[in-house]
């Protein structure tokens, strides 16, 4: 199984590559939109994961 941080970085890398291709290639602006959506979804997933982890700490 792939560690979560490695998966997060892989998805961010894919989103950036899609964004670059979509911004530079003529007629492929939809790839830019897909890259932005993937990046936003990845950030939401990572933020939810961090907030879940923070609540598990016992109070002292």
Protein backbone atom coordinates (compact mmCIF):
# COMPACT_ATOMS: atom_id res chain seq x y z
CA UNK A 1 0.00 0.00 0.00
CA UNK A 2 1.26 3.48 -0.87
CA UNK A 3 1.84 5.78 2.12
CA UNK A 4 -0.66 8.63 2.32
CA UNK A 5 1.90 11.42 2.00
CA UNK A 6 3.38 9.86 -1.13
CA UNK A 7 -0.10 9.54 -2.64
CA UNK A 8 -0.85 13.19 -1.76
CA UNK A 9 2.34 14.36 -3.45
CA UNK A 10 1.67 12.19 -6.51
CA UNK A 11 -1.82 13.66 -6.93
CA UNK A 12 -0.48 17.21 -6.50
CA UNK A 13 2.16 16.49 -9.13
CA UNK A 14 -0.45 15.16 -11.57
CA UNK A 15 -2.63 18.24 -10.96
CA UNK A 16 0.29 20.59 -11.63
CA UNK A 17 1.25 18.74 -14.82
CA UNK A 18 -2.33 18.84 -16.09
CA UNK A 19 -2.51 22.53 -15.25
CA UNK A 20 0.69 23.33 -17.12
CA UNK A 21 -0.39 21.36 -20.19
CA UNK A 22 -3.85 22.95 -20.09
CA UNK A 23 -2.45 26.46 -19.77
CA UNK A 24 0.12 26.15 -22.55
CA UNK A 25 -1.52 23.90 -25.16
CA UNK A 26 -3.99 25.53 -27.49
CA UNK A 27 -7.49 24.12 -27.10
CA UNK A 28 -6.77 22.08 -23.97
CA UNK A 29 -8.06 24.52 -21.37
CA UNK A 30 -10.25 21.76 -19.93
CA UNK A 31 -7.06 20.09 -18.65
CA UNK A 32 -6.33 23.25 -16.65
CA UNK A 33 -9.81 23.03 -15.11
CA UNK A 34 -9.37 19.34 -14.33
CA UNK A 35 -5.99 20.05 -12.72
CA UNK A 36 -7.47 22.78 -10.52
CA UNK A 37 -10.36 20.53 -9.44
CA UNK A 38 -8.01 17.65 -8.63
CA UNK A 39 -5.72 19.96 -6.65
CA UNK A 40 -8.64 21.40 -4.65
CA UNK A 41 -10.05 17.93 -3.92
CA UNK A 42 -6.63 16.74 -2.81
CA UNK A 43 -6.24 19.68 -0.44
CA UNK A 44 -9.69 19.04 1.03
CA UNK A 45 -8.88 15.36 1.53
CA UNK A 46 -5.55 16.16 3.18
CA UNK A 47 -7.14 18.81 5.42
CA UNK A 48 -9.87 16.41 6.52
CA UNK A 49 -7.27 13.78 7.27
CA UNK A 50 -5.24 16.19 9.39
CA UNK A 51 -8.29 17.37 11.32
CA UNK A 52 -9.31 13.77 12.04
CA UNK A 53 -5.82 13.02 13.32
CA UNK A 54 -5.76 16.12 15.56
CA UNK A 55 -8.95 15.10 17.39
CA UNK A 56 -7.55 11.73 18.50
CA UNK A 57 -5.04 13.23 20.92
CA UNK A 58 -6.01 12.70 24.57
CA UNK A 59 -6.52 15.79 26.71
CA UNK A 60 -4.11 16.22 29.58
